[in-house]
C-alpha cells in the first residue's frame, strides 16, 4: 500500500529463488519464502522497495509493505534571449547541480527492510534506481510474446541511454556486449515467461562488470 491506498499489479519477486507474483486488486499477494530471503517490490511510478525476511515476519505470515510514490520530475525549462550577465563559475555551478542530483536520488532510493534492515548481498539498488527514475525503460505498448532471442528482448526492454549511462558502456560496445551476454546460458532464463524486467536488469548489470574486466585485460 501507499498513503493508505492499496496497490494492484505490484511485481513481488523472491530474489533468492527468482520466483515472482503480482498483487491483486486488494494489494494482497502470496509468495513462498524462507528466513533471510530478499523480497523486491516494484511498480511503475513508485520507489523500488526491498525487504529481508526475519523469523518474526515468517511467524506472523502477514506483512504490510508501504511503498512511496516517486517524486515528479519537471521538464527542463529552456530560456531564449537572456540579456543578464550571470557572472558565475559555470564549472562550479555544474558540480553543485550534480551533487544535488546525487543527494536527491540517494534519498529517494534508500531501501529499508521490515525492521529497519536492508537487503544484504542483493541487487545494486543505486543502479536500479537510475534505471527506474531516469526514464530508461523503453515505452513499450506491448511486451514481446514468446521471446526466444535474448538480444532482441534486451534491446526492446531498455534504450541506448540505459547501456551508456547506467552500465557505463560506449556506444560501439553495446552490440558486442549483448552478444557476450547471449553466450551465457543464464540469459535464456531472463527472458522466460516467469521472468521480468528486474531480473533482466540485474543480469545485464552483472554481465557488464564481467565484460569490462575482460576488455580491460586485452
N, C-alpha and C. Protein backbone atom coordinates (compact mmCIF):
# COMPACT_ATOMS: atom_id res chain seq x y z
N UNK A 1 0.84 -1.18 0.00
CA UNK A 1 0.00 0.00 0.00
C UNK A 1 0.88 1.24 0.00
N UNK A 2 0.26 2.38 -0.40
CA UNK A 2 0.97 3.67 -0.43
C UNK A 2 -0.03 4.75 -0.03
N UNK A 3 0.31 5.52 1.01
CA UNK A 3 -0.58 6.57 1.51
C UNK A 3 -1.99 6.04 1.75
N UNK A 4 -2.08 4.86 2.36
CA UNK A 4 -3.36 4.22 2.71
C UNK A 4 -4.16 3.75 1.50
N UNK A 5 -3.54 3.76 0.30
CA UNK A 5 -4.19 3.21 -0.88
C UNK A 5 -3.59 1.85 -1.18
N UNK A 6 -4.46 0.89 -1.47
CA UNK A 6 -4.00 -0.45 -1.83
C UNK A 6 -3.47 -0.45 -3.26
N UNK A 7 -2.33 -1.11 -3.49
CA UNK A 7 -1.69 -1.09 -4.81
C UNK A 7 -1.88 -2.42 -5.52
N UNK A 8 -2.43 -2.34 -6.73
CA UNK A 8 -2.67 -3.52 -7.55
C UNK A 8 -1.55 -3.68 -8.57
N UNK A 9 -1.29 -4.91 -8.99
CA UNK A 9 -0.30 -5.23 -10.04
C UNK A 9 1.12 -4.81 -9.66
N UNK A 10 1.46 -4.93 -8.39
CA UNK A 10 2.84 -4.71 -7.95
C UNK A 10 3.62 -6.01 -8.17
N UNK A 11 4.76 -5.93 -8.86
CA UNK A 11 5.60 -7.11 -9.03
C UNK A 11 6.28 -7.44 -7.70
N UNK A 12 6.10 -8.68 -7.22
CA UNK A 12 6.73 -9.14 -5.98
C UNK A 12 7.65 -10.30 -6.34
N UNK A 13 8.95 -10.15 -6.07
CA UNK A 13 9.93 -11.13 -6.53
C UNK A 13 10.79 -11.61 -5.36
N UNK A 14 10.93 -12.92 -5.23
CA UNK A 14 11.86 -13.50 -4.28
C UNK A 14 13.22 -13.55 -4.97
N UNK A 15 14.14 -12.69 -4.55
CA UNK A 15 15.44 -12.58 -5.21
C UNK A 15 16.23 -13.88 -5.10
N UNK A 16 16.05 -14.61 -4.02
CA UNK A 16 16.82 -15.84 -3.79
C UNK A 16 16.36 -16.99 -4.68
N UNK A 17 15.04 -17.11 -4.88
CA UNK A 17 14.51 -18.22 -5.68
C UNK A 17 14.15 -17.82 -7.09
N UNK A 18 14.18 -16.48 -7.39
CA UNK A 18 13.79 -15.95 -8.70
C UNK A 18 12.32 -16.24 -9.03
N UNK A 19 11.50 -16.47 -8.00
CA UNK A 19 10.07 -16.69 -8.20
C UNK A 19 9.33 -15.39 -7.90
N UNK A 20 8.33 -15.07 -8.72
CA UNK A 20 7.61 -13.82 -8.51
C UNK A 20 6.11 -13.98 -8.64
N UNK A 21 5.40 -12.93 -8.24
CA UNK A 21 3.94 -12.89 -8.37
C UNK A 21 3.53 -11.44 -8.46
N UNK A 22 2.23 -11.16 -8.48
CA UNK A 22 1.72 -9.79 -8.51
C UNK A 22 0.58 -9.64 -7.51
N UNK A 23 0.40 -8.42 -7.02
CA UNK A 23 -0.66 -8.18 -6.06
C UNK A 23 -2.01 -8.09 -6.77
N UNK A 24 -3.08 -8.47 -6.06
CA UNK A 24 -4.42 -8.38 -6.64
C UNK A 24 -5.00 -7.00 -6.39
N UNK A 25 -6.32 -6.84 -6.67
CA UNK A 25 -6.96 -5.53 -6.54
C UNK A 25 -7.00 -5.05 -5.09
N UNK A 26 -6.78 -5.95 -4.13
CA UNK A 26 -6.74 -5.56 -2.72
C UNK A 26 -5.31 -5.36 -2.21
N UNK A 27 -4.35 -5.43 -3.13
CA UNK A 27 -2.96 -5.28 -2.72
C UNK A 27 -2.38 -6.52 -2.08
N UNK A 28 -3.09 -7.65 -2.15
CA UNK A 28 -2.65 -8.87 -1.49
C UNK A 28 -1.82 -9.73 -2.43
N UNK A 29 -0.93 -10.51 -1.85
CA UNK A 29 -0.13 -11.44 -2.63
C UNK A 29 0.27 -12.62 -1.74
N UNK A 30 0.61 -13.74 -2.38
CA UNK A 30 1.12 -14.92 -1.67
C UNK A 30 2.40 -15.35 -2.36
N UNK A 31 3.48 -15.52 -1.59
CA UNK A 31 4.77 -15.87 -2.16
C UNK A 31 5.53 -16.77 -1.19
N UNK A 32 6.04 -17.89 -1.69
CA UNK A 32 6.83 -18.79 -0.85
C UNK A 32 8.18 -18.16 -0.56
N UNK A 33 8.61 -18.21 0.70
CA UNK A 33 9.88 -17.60 1.07
C UNK A 33 10.38 -18.21 2.38
N UNK A 34 11.66 -18.03 2.64
CA UNK A 34 12.30 -18.53 3.87
C UNK A 34 12.97 -17.37 4.60
N UNK A 35 13.40 -17.63 5.81
CA UNK A 35 14.10 -16.62 6.60
C UNK A 35 15.35 -16.16 5.85
N UNK A 36 15.60 -14.85 5.85
CA UNK A 36 16.73 -14.19 5.19
C UNK A 36 16.59 -14.08 3.68
N UNK A 37 15.45 -14.49 3.12
CA UNK A 37 15.22 -14.27 1.69
C UNK A 37 15.01 -12.78 1.44
N UNK A 38 15.51 -12.30 0.30
CA UNK A 38 15.33 -10.90 -0.08
C UNK A 38 14.13 -10.79 -1.02
N UNK A 39 13.17 -9.95 -0.68
CA UNK A 39 11.95 -9.79 -1.46
C UNK A 39 11.91 -8.38 -2.05
N UNK A 40 11.67 -8.28 -3.36
CA UNK A 40 11.61 -7.00 -4.05
C UNK A 40 10.17 -6.66 -4.42
N UNK A 41 9.84 -5.37 -4.37
CA UNK A 41 8.52 -4.89 -4.76
C UNK A 41 8.71 -3.76 -5.76
N UNK A 42 8.13 -3.91 -6.94
CA UNK A 42 8.29 -2.87 -7.97
C UNK A 42 6.99 -2.63 -8.71
N UNK A 43 6.62 -1.37 -8.87
CA UNK A 43 5.50 -0.96 -9.70
C UNK A 43 5.86 0.41 -10.26
N UNK A 44 5.48 0.65 -11.49
CA UNK A 44 5.82 1.90 -12.17
C UNK A 44 5.33 3.11 -11.38
N UNK A 45 6.14 4.16 -11.36
CA UNK A 45 5.86 5.44 -10.69
C UNK A 45 5.98 5.36 -9.17
N UNK A 46 6.51 4.23 -8.63
CA UNK A 46 6.73 4.12 -7.18
C UNK A 46 8.17 3.71 -6.91
N UNK A 47 8.67 4.05 -5.75
CA UNK A 47 10.04 3.73 -5.37
C UNK A 47 10.22 2.22 -5.21
N UNK A 48 11.31 1.70 -5.78
CA UNK A 48 11.62 0.28 -5.61
C UNK A 48 11.80 -0.03 -4.12
N UNK A 49 11.17 -1.09 -3.65
CA UNK A 49 11.21 -1.47 -2.23
C UNK A 49 11.83 -2.84 -2.08
N UNK A 50 12.61 -3.03 -1.04
CA UNK A 50 13.20 -4.34 -0.78
C UNK A 50 13.20 -4.62 0.71
N UNK A 51 12.93 -5.87 1.08
CA UNK A 51 12.98 -6.26 2.48
C UNK A 51 13.73 -7.58 2.60
N UNK A 52 14.27 -7.84 3.78
CA UNK A 52 14.90 -9.12 4.08
C UNK A 52 14.09 -9.77 5.19
N UNK A 53 13.52 -10.93 4.89
CA UNK A 53 12.59 -11.57 5.81
C UNK A 53 13.29 -12.06 7.09
N UNK A 54 12.67 -11.77 8.21
CA UNK A 54 13.15 -12.25 9.51
C UNK A 54 12.28 -13.41 9.97
N UNK A 55 12.71 -14.07 11.02
CA UNK A 55 11.92 -15.17 11.57
C UNK A 55 10.57 -14.66 12.06
N UNK A 56 10.56 -13.46 12.61
CA UNK A 56 9.32 -12.87 13.09
C UNK A 56 8.33 -12.64 11.95
N UNK A 57 8.85 -12.19 10.79
CA UNK A 57 8.00 -12.00 9.63
C UNK A 57 7.35 -13.31 9.19
N UNK A 58 8.16 -14.37 9.16
CA UNK A 58 7.65 -15.68 8.75
C UNK A 58 6.58 -16.16 9.72
N UNK A 59 6.81 -15.99 11.02
CA UNK A 59 5.85 -16.46 12.02
C UNK A 59 4.53 -15.67 11.95
N UNK A 60 4.64 -14.37 11.66
CA UNK A 60 3.42 -13.55 11.55
C UNK A 60 2.62 -13.92 10.31
N UNK A 61 3.34 -14.28 9.24
CA UNK A 61 2.71 -14.73 8.00
C UNK A 61 1.81 -13.65 7.38
N UNK A 62 1.99 -12.43 7.80
CA UNK A 62 1.17 -11.34 7.26
C UNK A 62 1.95 -10.03 7.40
N UNK A 63 2.44 -9.51 6.29
CA UNK A 63 3.30 -8.32 6.32
C UNK A 63 2.65 -7.19 5.53
N UNK A 64 2.67 -5.99 6.08
CA UNK A 64 2.18 -4.82 5.37
C UNK A 64 3.39 -4.07 4.79
N UNK A 65 3.42 -3.92 3.49
CA UNK A 65 4.53 -3.25 2.81
C UNK A 65 4.07 -1.87 2.34
N UNK A 66 4.79 -0.84 2.71
CA UNK A 66 4.45 0.52 2.29
C UNK A 66 5.47 1.00 1.26
N UNK A 67 4.97 1.48 0.14
CA UNK A 67 5.82 1.93 -0.97
C UNK A 67 5.55 3.41 -1.22
N UNK A 68 6.60 4.19 -1.39
CA UNK A 68 6.46 5.62 -1.63
C UNK A 68 6.37 5.93 -3.12
N UNK A 69 5.57 6.90 -3.46
CA UNK A 69 5.47 7.34 -4.84
C UNK A 69 6.71 8.14 -5.21
N UNK A 70 7.23 7.94 -6.41
CA UNK A 70 8.44 8.65 -6.82
C UNK A 70 8.14 10.13 -7.05
N UNK A 71 9.10 11.00 -6.75
CA UNK A 71 8.89 12.43 -6.97
C UNK A 71 8.66 12.73 -8.44
N UNK A 72 7.83 13.70 -8.73
CA UNK A 72 7.56 14.10 -10.11
C UNK A 72 8.66 15.05 -10.57
N UNK A 73 9.32 14.66 -11.66
CA UNK A 73 10.39 15.49 -12.18
C UNK A 73 9.83 16.44 -13.24
N UNK A 74 10.13 17.73 -13.10
CA UNK A 74 9.67 18.72 -14.06
C UNK A 74 10.53 18.70 -15.31
N UNK A 75 9.90 19.02 -16.44
CA UNK A 75 10.66 19.11 -17.69
C UNK A 75 11.64 20.27 -17.61
N UNK A 76 12.72 20.14 -18.35
CA UNK A 76 13.73 21.19 -18.38
C UNK A 76 13.16 22.45 -19.00
N UNK A 77 13.45 23.60 -18.40
CA UNK A 77 12.99 24.89 -18.92
C UNK A 77 14.11 25.53 -19.72
N UNK A 78 13.85 25.84 -20.97
CA UNK A 78 14.84 26.46 -21.84
C UNK A 78 14.50 27.93 -22.00
N UNK A 79 15.46 28.81 -21.68
CA UNK A 79 15.24 30.25 -21.76
C UNK A 79 15.99 30.79 -22.97
N UNK A 80 15.29 31.52 -23.82
CA UNK A 80 15.90 32.09 -25.02
C UNK A 80 16.12 33.60 -24.83
N UNK A 81 17.17 34.12 -25.45
CA UNK A 81 17.47 35.56 -25.49
C UNK A 81 17.53 36.16 -24.08
N UNK A 82 18.50 35.74 -23.33
CA UNK A 82 18.71 36.27 -21.98
C UNK A 82 19.80 37.33 -22.03
N UNK A 83 19.51 38.54 -21.53
CA UNK A 83 20.46 39.65 -21.59
C UNK A 83 21.20 39.85 -20.28
N UNK A 84 20.94 39.01 -19.27
CA UNK A 84 21.56 39.18 -17.96
C UNK A 84 22.95 38.56 -17.94
N UNK A 85 23.90 39.23 -17.34
CA UNK A 85 25.24 38.70 -17.17
C UNK A 85 25.29 37.98 -15.82
N UNK A 86 25.27 36.66 -15.85
CA UNK A 86 25.20 35.90 -14.60
C UNK A 86 26.51 35.95 -13.82
N UNK A 87 27.64 35.98 -14.50
CA UNK A 87 28.94 36.15 -13.87
C UNK A 87 29.19 35.12 -12.75
N UNK A 88 29.11 33.83 -13.10
CA UNK A 88 29.43 32.79 -12.12
C UNK A 88 30.30 31.73 -12.77
N UNK A 89 30.94 30.97 -11.94
CA UNK A 89 31.81 29.90 -12.42
C UNK A 89 30.93 28.75 -12.90
N UNK A 90 30.87 28.54 -14.21
CA UNK A 90 29.98 27.51 -14.77
C UNK A 90 30.38 26.11 -14.32
N UNK A 91 31.68 25.88 -14.20
CA UNK A 91 32.14 24.56 -13.77
C UNK A 91 31.68 24.26 -12.36
N UNK A 92 31.78 25.25 -11.47
CA UNK A 92 31.34 25.07 -10.08
C UNK A 92 29.83 24.89 -10.02
N UNK A 93 29.11 25.65 -10.85
CA UNK A 93 27.66 25.55 -10.87
C UNK A 93 27.21 24.15 -11.30
N UNK A 94 27.88 23.60 -12.32
CA UNK A 94 27.54 22.26 -12.79
C UNK A 94 27.82 21.21 -11.72
N UNK A 95 28.93 21.38 -11.01
CA UNK A 95 29.29 20.46 -9.94
C UNK A 95 28.23 20.47 -8.84
N UNK A 96 27.75 21.67 -8.49
CA UNK A 96 26.73 21.78 -7.45
C UNK A 96 25.43 21.10 -7.88
N UNK A 97 25.10 21.25 -9.17
CA UNK A 97 23.88 20.62 -9.66
C UNK A 97 23.98 19.10 -9.61
N UNK A 98 25.15 18.59 -9.98
CA UNK A 98 25.36 17.14 -9.95
C UNK A 98 25.30 16.61 -8.52
N UNK A 99 25.90 17.35 -7.58
CA UNK A 99 25.87 16.92 -6.18
C UNK A 99 24.43 16.90 -5.66
N UNK A 100 23.64 17.90 -6.04
CA UNK A 100 22.24 17.96 -5.61
C UNK A 100 21.44 16.81 -6.18
N UNK A 101 21.73 16.45 -7.44
CA UNK A 101 21.03 15.34 -8.08
C UNK A 101 21.35 14.01 -7.40
N UNK A 102 22.64 13.82 -7.09
CA UNK A 102 23.05 12.59 -6.40
C UNK A 102 22.39 12.49 -5.04
N UNK A 103 22.34 13.60 -4.31
CA UNK A 103 21.73 13.62 -2.99
C UNK A 103 20.24 13.30 -3.08
N UNK A 104 19.56 13.89 -4.07
CA UNK A 104 18.12 13.66 -4.25
C UNK A 104 17.83 12.20 -4.54
N UNK A 105 18.63 11.58 -5.41
CA UNK A 105 18.41 10.19 -5.77
C UNK A 105 18.75 9.25 -4.62
N UNK A 106 19.81 9.60 -3.86
CA UNK A 106 20.20 8.73 -2.76
C UNK A 106 19.10 8.67 -1.70
N UNK A 107 18.40 9.81 -1.49
CA UNK A 107 17.31 9.83 -0.51
C UNK A 107 16.12 9.06 -1.05
N UNK A 108 15.86 9.21 -2.34
CA UNK A 108 14.69 8.55 -2.94
C UNK A 108 14.87 7.06 -3.02
N UNK A 109 16.13 6.59 -3.11
CA UNK A 109 16.38 5.18 -3.35
C UNK A 109 16.76 4.39 -2.11
N UNK A 110 16.65 5.00 -0.93
CA UNK A 110 17.01 4.27 0.28
C UNK A 110 16.01 3.15 0.50
N UNK A 111 16.50 1.91 0.53
CA UNK A 111 15.63 0.74 0.66
C UNK A 111 15.70 0.24 2.08
N UNK A 112 14.57 0.27 2.78
CA UNK A 112 14.53 -0.14 4.18
C UNK A 112 13.81 -1.46 4.32
N UNK A 113 14.29 -2.29 5.24
CA UNK A 113 13.65 -3.58 5.49
C UNK A 113 12.55 -3.44 6.51
N UNK A 114 11.96 -4.56 6.89
CA UNK A 114 10.82 -4.54 7.80
C UNK A 114 11.21 -4.00 9.16
N UNK A 115 12.36 -4.40 9.67
CA UNK A 115 12.81 -3.94 10.99
C UNK A 115 14.00 -3.00 10.85
N UNK A 116 13.84 -2.01 9.95
CA UNK A 116 14.92 -1.06 9.66
C UNK A 116 16.17 -1.76 9.16
N UNK A 117 16.01 -2.94 8.58
CA UNK A 117 17.16 -3.67 8.00
C UNK A 117 17.20 -3.41 6.52
N UNK A 118 18.30 -3.81 5.90
CA UNK A 118 18.43 -3.64 4.46
C UNK A 118 18.78 -4.96 3.84
N UNK A 119 18.59 -5.07 2.52
CA UNK A 119 18.92 -6.30 1.81
C UNK A 119 20.42 -6.37 1.62
N UNK A 120 21.02 -7.39 2.17
CA UNK A 120 22.46 -7.56 2.06
C UNK A 120 22.77 -8.49 0.90
N UNK A 121 23.89 -8.20 0.23
CA UNK A 121 24.34 -9.02 -0.89
C UNK A 121 23.27 -9.16 -1.95
N UNK A 122 22.41 -8.14 -2.09
CA UNK A 122 21.36 -8.20 -3.10
C UNK A 122 21.73 -7.35 -4.30
N UNK A 123 20.71 -6.87 -4.99
CA UNK A 123 20.95 -6.03 -6.16
C UNK A 123 21.57 -4.70 -5.76
N UNK A 124 22.20 -4.05 -6.74
CA UNK A 124 22.71 -2.71 -6.53
C UNK A 124 21.55 -1.76 -6.77
N UNK A 125 20.88 -1.30 -5.67
CA UNK A 125 19.68 -0.52 -5.83
C UNK A 125 19.96 0.88 -6.37
N UNK A 126 21.17 1.38 -6.16
CA UNK A 126 21.50 2.68 -6.73
C UNK A 126 21.47 2.60 -8.25
N UNK A 127 22.01 1.50 -8.79
CA UNK A 127 21.99 1.30 -10.23
C UNK A 127 20.56 1.13 -10.72
N UNK A 128 19.77 0.33 -10.00
CA UNK A 128 18.40 0.11 -10.41
C UNK A 128 17.61 1.41 -10.34
N UNK A 129 17.91 2.19 -9.32
CA UNK A 129 17.22 3.46 -9.18
C UNK A 129 17.43 4.36 -10.37
N UNK A 130 18.66 4.40 -10.86
CA UNK A 130 18.94 5.21 -12.03
C UNK A 130 18.08 4.77 -13.20
N UNK A 131 17.86 3.46 -13.29
CA UNK A 131 17.04 2.94 -14.38
C UNK A 131 15.58 3.35 -14.20
N UNK A 132 15.11 3.19 -12.97
CA UNK A 132 13.71 3.44 -12.72
C UNK A 132 13.34 4.90 -12.84
N UNK A 133 14.19 5.78 -12.31
CA UNK A 133 13.83 7.19 -12.27
C UNK A 133 14.47 8.01 -13.38
N UNK A 134 15.32 7.39 -14.16
CA UNK A 134 15.96 8.11 -15.25
C UNK A 134 15.24 7.93 -16.57
N UNK A 135 14.07 7.28 -16.57
CA UNK A 135 13.32 7.09 -17.80
C UNK A 135 14.00 6.15 -18.76
N UNK A 136 14.71 5.16 -18.23
CA UNK A 136 15.50 4.30 -19.10
C UNK A 136 14.72 3.09 -19.60
N UNK A 137 13.54 2.83 -19.02
CA UNK A 137 12.72 1.76 -19.57
C UNK A 137 12.12 2.25 -20.87
N UNK A 138 12.12 1.42 -21.90
CA UNK A 138 11.51 1.81 -23.15
C UNK A 138 9.99 1.84 -22.98
N UNK A 139 9.32 2.74 -23.72
CA UNK A 139 7.88 2.85 -23.65
C UNK A 139 7.27 1.82 -24.58
N UNK A 140 7.07 0.61 -24.09
CA UNK A 140 6.59 -0.48 -24.93
C UNK A 140 5.06 -0.52 -24.84
N UNK A 141 4.39 -0.57 -25.98
CA UNK A 141 2.95 -0.72 -25.99
C UNK A 141 2.55 -2.16 -25.71
N UNK A 142 3.38 -3.08 -26.14
CA UNK A 142 3.07 -4.49 -25.94
C UNK A 142 4.34 -5.26 -25.73
N UNK A 143 4.36 -6.11 -24.73
CA UNK A 143 5.54 -6.92 -24.41
C UNK A 143 5.70 -8.01 -25.47
N UNK A 144 6.93 -8.38 -25.78
CA UNK A 144 7.19 -9.42 -26.77
C UNK A 144 6.57 -10.73 -26.30
N UNK A 145 5.83 -11.38 -27.17
CA UNK A 145 5.20 -12.65 -26.83
C UNK A 145 6.13 -13.79 -27.22
N UNK A 146 6.27 -14.73 -26.30
CA UNK A 146 7.12 -15.90 -26.51
C UNK A 146 8.50 -15.52 -27.05
N UNK A 147 9.24 -14.64 -26.36
CA UNK A 147 10.56 -14.23 -26.86
C UNK A 147 11.55 -15.39 -26.86
N UNK A 148 12.34 -15.49 -27.92
CA UNK A 148 13.33 -16.56 -27.97
C UNK A 148 14.71 -16.03 -28.31
N UNK A 149 14.83 -14.74 -28.46
CA UNK A 149 16.13 -14.17 -28.77
C UNK A 149 16.49 -13.14 -27.71
N UNK A 150 17.55 -13.42 -26.95
CA UNK A 150 17.93 -12.56 -25.83
C UNK A 150 18.25 -11.13 -26.29
N UNK A 151 19.00 -10.99 -27.37
CA UNK A 151 19.41 -9.67 -27.82
C UNK A 151 18.20 -8.82 -28.21
N UNK A 152 17.22 -9.46 -28.82
CA UNK A 152 16.02 -8.72 -29.22
C UNK A 152 15.26 -8.21 -28.00
N UNK A 153 15.13 -9.07 -26.99
CA UNK A 153 14.42 -8.68 -25.77
C UNK A 153 15.18 -7.58 -25.03
N UNK A 154 16.50 -7.71 -24.95
CA UNK A 154 17.32 -6.73 -24.21
C UNK A 154 17.25 -5.36 -24.86
N UNK A 155 17.28 -5.29 -26.18
CA UNK A 155 17.22 -4.00 -26.87
C UNK A 155 15.82 -3.42 -26.86
N UNK A 156 14.80 -4.29 -26.78
CA UNK A 156 13.42 -3.81 -26.72
C UNK A 156 13.06 -3.30 -25.32
N UNK A 157 13.63 -3.93 -24.30
CA UNK A 157 13.28 -3.58 -22.92
C UNK A 157 13.95 -2.30 -22.44
N UNK A 158 15.18 -2.04 -22.90
CA UNK A 158 15.93 -0.87 -22.43
C UNK A 158 16.50 -0.09 -23.61
N UNK A 159 16.51 1.24 -23.50
CA UNK A 159 17.02 2.03 -24.60
C UNK A 159 18.53 2.24 -24.49
N UNK A 160 19.08 2.94 -25.46
CA UNK A 160 20.54 3.14 -25.53
C UNK A 160 21.07 3.91 -24.32
N UNK A 161 20.25 4.80 -23.78
CA UNK A 161 20.67 5.60 -22.62
C UNK A 161 20.99 4.71 -21.42
N UNK A 162 20.23 3.63 -21.26
CA UNK A 162 20.45 2.69 -20.17
C UNK A 162 21.84 2.06 -20.27
N UNK A 163 22.22 1.62 -21.47
CA UNK A 163 23.50 0.95 -21.65
C UNK A 163 24.68 1.92 -21.50
N UNK A 164 24.49 3.16 -21.94
CA UNK A 164 25.60 4.13 -21.90
C UNK A 164 25.74 4.77 -20.52
N UNK A 165 24.62 5.24 -19.94
CA UNK A 165 24.70 5.99 -18.68
C UNK A 165 24.69 5.09 -17.44
N UNK A 166 23.92 4.00 -17.49
CA UNK A 166 23.80 3.14 -16.31
C UNK A 166 24.86 2.05 -16.29
N UNK A 167 25.04 1.36 -17.42
CA UNK A 167 26.04 0.29 -17.48
C UNK A 167 27.42 0.82 -17.84
N UNK A 168 27.50 2.12 -18.19
CA UNK A 168 28.78 2.77 -18.50
C UNK A 168 29.50 2.10 -19.69
N UNK A 169 28.73 1.77 -20.70
CA UNK A 169 29.32 1.20 -21.91
C UNK A 169 29.42 2.28 -22.99
N UNK A 170 30.39 2.12 -23.87
CA UNK A 170 30.47 3.01 -25.01
C UNK A 170 29.43 2.58 -26.04
N UNK A 171 29.04 3.52 -26.90
CA UNK A 171 28.01 3.23 -27.89
C UNK A 171 28.40 2.04 -28.75
N UNK A 172 29.68 1.99 -29.16
CA UNK A 172 30.12 0.91 -30.05
C UNK A 172 30.28 -0.42 -29.30
N UNK A 173 30.20 -0.41 -27.95
CA UNK A 173 30.35 -1.63 -27.17
C UNK A 173 29.02 -2.35 -26.92
N UNK A 174 27.90 -1.66 -27.19
CA UNK A 174 26.59 -2.22 -26.87
C UNK A 174 26.34 -3.53 -27.61
N UNK A 175 26.56 -3.53 -28.92
CA UNK A 175 26.30 -4.73 -29.72
C UNK A 175 27.17 -5.91 -29.30
N UNK A 176 28.53 -5.74 -29.18
CA UNK A 176 29.34 -6.86 -28.71
C UNK A 176 29.01 -7.29 -27.28
N UNK A 177 28.57 -6.33 -26.44
CA UNK A 177 28.19 -6.67 -25.07
C UNK A 177 26.97 -7.60 -25.05
N UNK A 178 25.96 -7.29 -25.87
CA UNK A 178 24.76 -8.13 -25.92
C UNK A 178 25.08 -9.51 -26.49
N UNK A 179 26.02 -9.56 -27.43
CA UNK A 179 26.45 -10.85 -27.96
C UNK A 179 27.16 -11.65 -26.87
N UNK A 180 27.98 -10.97 -26.09
CA UNK A 180 28.68 -11.58 -24.95
C UNK A 180 27.67 -12.17 -23.95
N UNK A 181 26.60 -11.41 -23.66
CA UNK A 181 25.57 -11.88 -22.73
C UNK A 181 24.82 -13.08 -23.30
N UNK A 182 24.61 -13.06 -24.60
CA UNK A 182 23.82 -14.10 -25.26
C UNK A 182 24.48 -15.47 -25.15
N UNK A 183 25.82 -15.51 -25.02
CA UNK A 183 26.53 -16.77 -24.92
C UNK A 183 26.38 -17.41 -23.53
N UNK A 184 25.94 -16.62 -22.56
CA UNK A 184 25.74 -17.14 -21.21
C UNK A 184 24.40 -17.88 -21.17
N UNK A 185 24.39 -19.17 -20.80
CA UNK A 185 23.13 -19.94 -20.75
C UNK A 185 22.09 -19.29 -19.84
N UNK A 186 22.55 -18.54 -18.84
CA UNK A 186 21.63 -17.90 -17.90
C UNK A 186 20.76 -16.85 -18.60
N UNK A 187 21.21 -16.33 -19.75
CA UNK A 187 20.47 -15.30 -20.47
C UNK A 187 19.08 -15.80 -20.87
N UNK A 188 18.96 -17.10 -21.15
CA UNK A 188 17.66 -17.67 -21.56
C UNK A 188 16.65 -17.58 -20.42
N UNK A 189 17.13 -17.71 -19.17
CA UNK A 189 16.22 -17.64 -18.03
C UNK A 189 15.67 -16.24 -17.82
N UNK A 190 16.43 -15.22 -18.23
CA UNK A 190 16.00 -13.84 -18.02
C UNK A 190 14.90 -13.41 -18.98
N UNK A 191 14.65 -14.19 -20.03
CA UNK A 191 13.60 -13.83 -20.98
C UNK A 191 12.48 -14.88 -21.00
N UNK A 192 12.46 -15.73 -19.99
CA UNK A 192 11.41 -16.75 -19.91
C UNK A 192 10.10 -16.10 -19.48
N UNK A 193 9.00 -16.84 -19.59
CA UNK A 193 7.69 -16.30 -19.22
C UNK A 193 7.60 -15.97 -17.74
N UNK A 194 8.40 -16.64 -16.92
CA UNK A 194 8.37 -16.40 -15.47
C UNK A 194 9.29 -15.27 -15.06
N UNK A 195 10.00 -14.68 -16.02
CA UNK A 195 10.96 -13.62 -15.70
C UNK A 195 10.29 -12.25 -15.80
N UNK A 196 11.08 -11.18 -15.54
CA UNK A 196 10.57 -9.81 -15.63
C UNK A 196 11.73 -8.86 -15.84
N UNK A 197 11.43 -7.56 -15.99
CA UNK A 197 12.46 -6.57 -16.29
C UNK A 197 13.52 -6.46 -15.20
N UNK A 198 13.13 -6.66 -13.94
CA UNK A 198 14.09 -6.54 -12.84
C UNK A 198 15.14 -7.65 -12.90
N UNK A 199 14.70 -8.86 -13.22
CA UNK A 199 15.64 -9.97 -13.34
C UNK A 199 16.59 -9.74 -14.50
N UNK A 200 16.05 -9.29 -15.64
CA UNK A 200 16.89 -8.99 -16.80
C UNK A 200 17.87 -7.87 -16.49
N UNK A 201 17.40 -6.86 -15.76
CA UNK A 201 18.23 -5.72 -15.39
C UNK A 201 19.42 -6.16 -14.52
N UNK A 202 19.12 -7.01 -13.54
CA UNK A 202 20.16 -7.50 -12.65
C UNK A 202 21.21 -8.31 -13.42
N UNK A 203 20.75 -9.13 -14.35
CA UNK A 203 21.65 -9.94 -15.17
C UNK A 203 22.57 -9.07 -16.03
N UNK A 204 22.01 -8.05 -16.68
CA UNK A 204 22.80 -7.16 -17.54
C UNK A 204 23.85 -6.40 -16.74
N UNK A 205 23.47 -5.97 -15.53
CA UNK A 205 24.41 -5.22 -14.71
C UNK A 205 25.61 -6.09 -14.31
N UNK A 206 25.33 -7.34 -13.90
CA UNK A 206 26.42 -8.25 -13.52
C UNK A 206 27.31 -8.59 -14.72
N UNK A 207 26.68 -8.81 -15.88
CA UNK A 207 27.46 -9.16 -17.06
C UNK A 207 28.30 -7.99 -17.56
N UNK A 208 27.83 -6.76 -17.32
CA UNK A 208 28.61 -5.59 -17.74
C UNK A 208 29.93 -5.51 -16.98
N UNK A 209 29.91 -5.94 -15.71
CA UNK A 209 31.14 -5.95 -14.91
C UNK A 209 32.12 -6.96 -15.48
N UNK A 210 31.62 -8.15 -15.85
CA UNK A 210 32.48 -9.17 -16.45
C UNK A 210 33.03 -8.69 -17.79
N UNK A 211 32.16 -8.07 -18.57
CA UNK A 211 32.54 -7.59 -19.90
C UNK A 211 33.68 -6.56 -19.82
N UNK A 212 33.58 -5.65 -18.85
CA UNK A 212 34.61 -4.62 -18.70
C UNK A 212 35.93 -5.22 -18.23
N UNK A 213 35.87 -6.22 -17.35
CA UNK A 213 37.09 -6.86 -16.86
C UNK A 213 37.81 -7.58 -18.00
N UNK A 214 37.05 -8.25 -18.85
CA UNK A 214 37.65 -8.96 -19.98
C UNK A 214 38.30 -7.98 -20.96
N UNK A 215 37.61 -6.90 -21.25
CA UNK A 215 38.16 -5.90 -22.17
C UNK A 215 39.37 -5.18 -21.60
N UNK A 216 39.37 -5.05 -20.27
CA UNK A 216 40.49 -4.35 -19.63
C UNK A 216 41.78 -5.16 -19.71
N UNK A 217 41.65 -6.48 -19.76
CA UNK A 217 42.85 -7.34 -19.80
C UNK A 217 43.36 -7.55 -21.22
N UNK A 218 42.58 -7.15 -22.21
CA UNK A 218 43.03 -7.34 -23.59
C UNK A 218 44.06 -6.30 -24.00
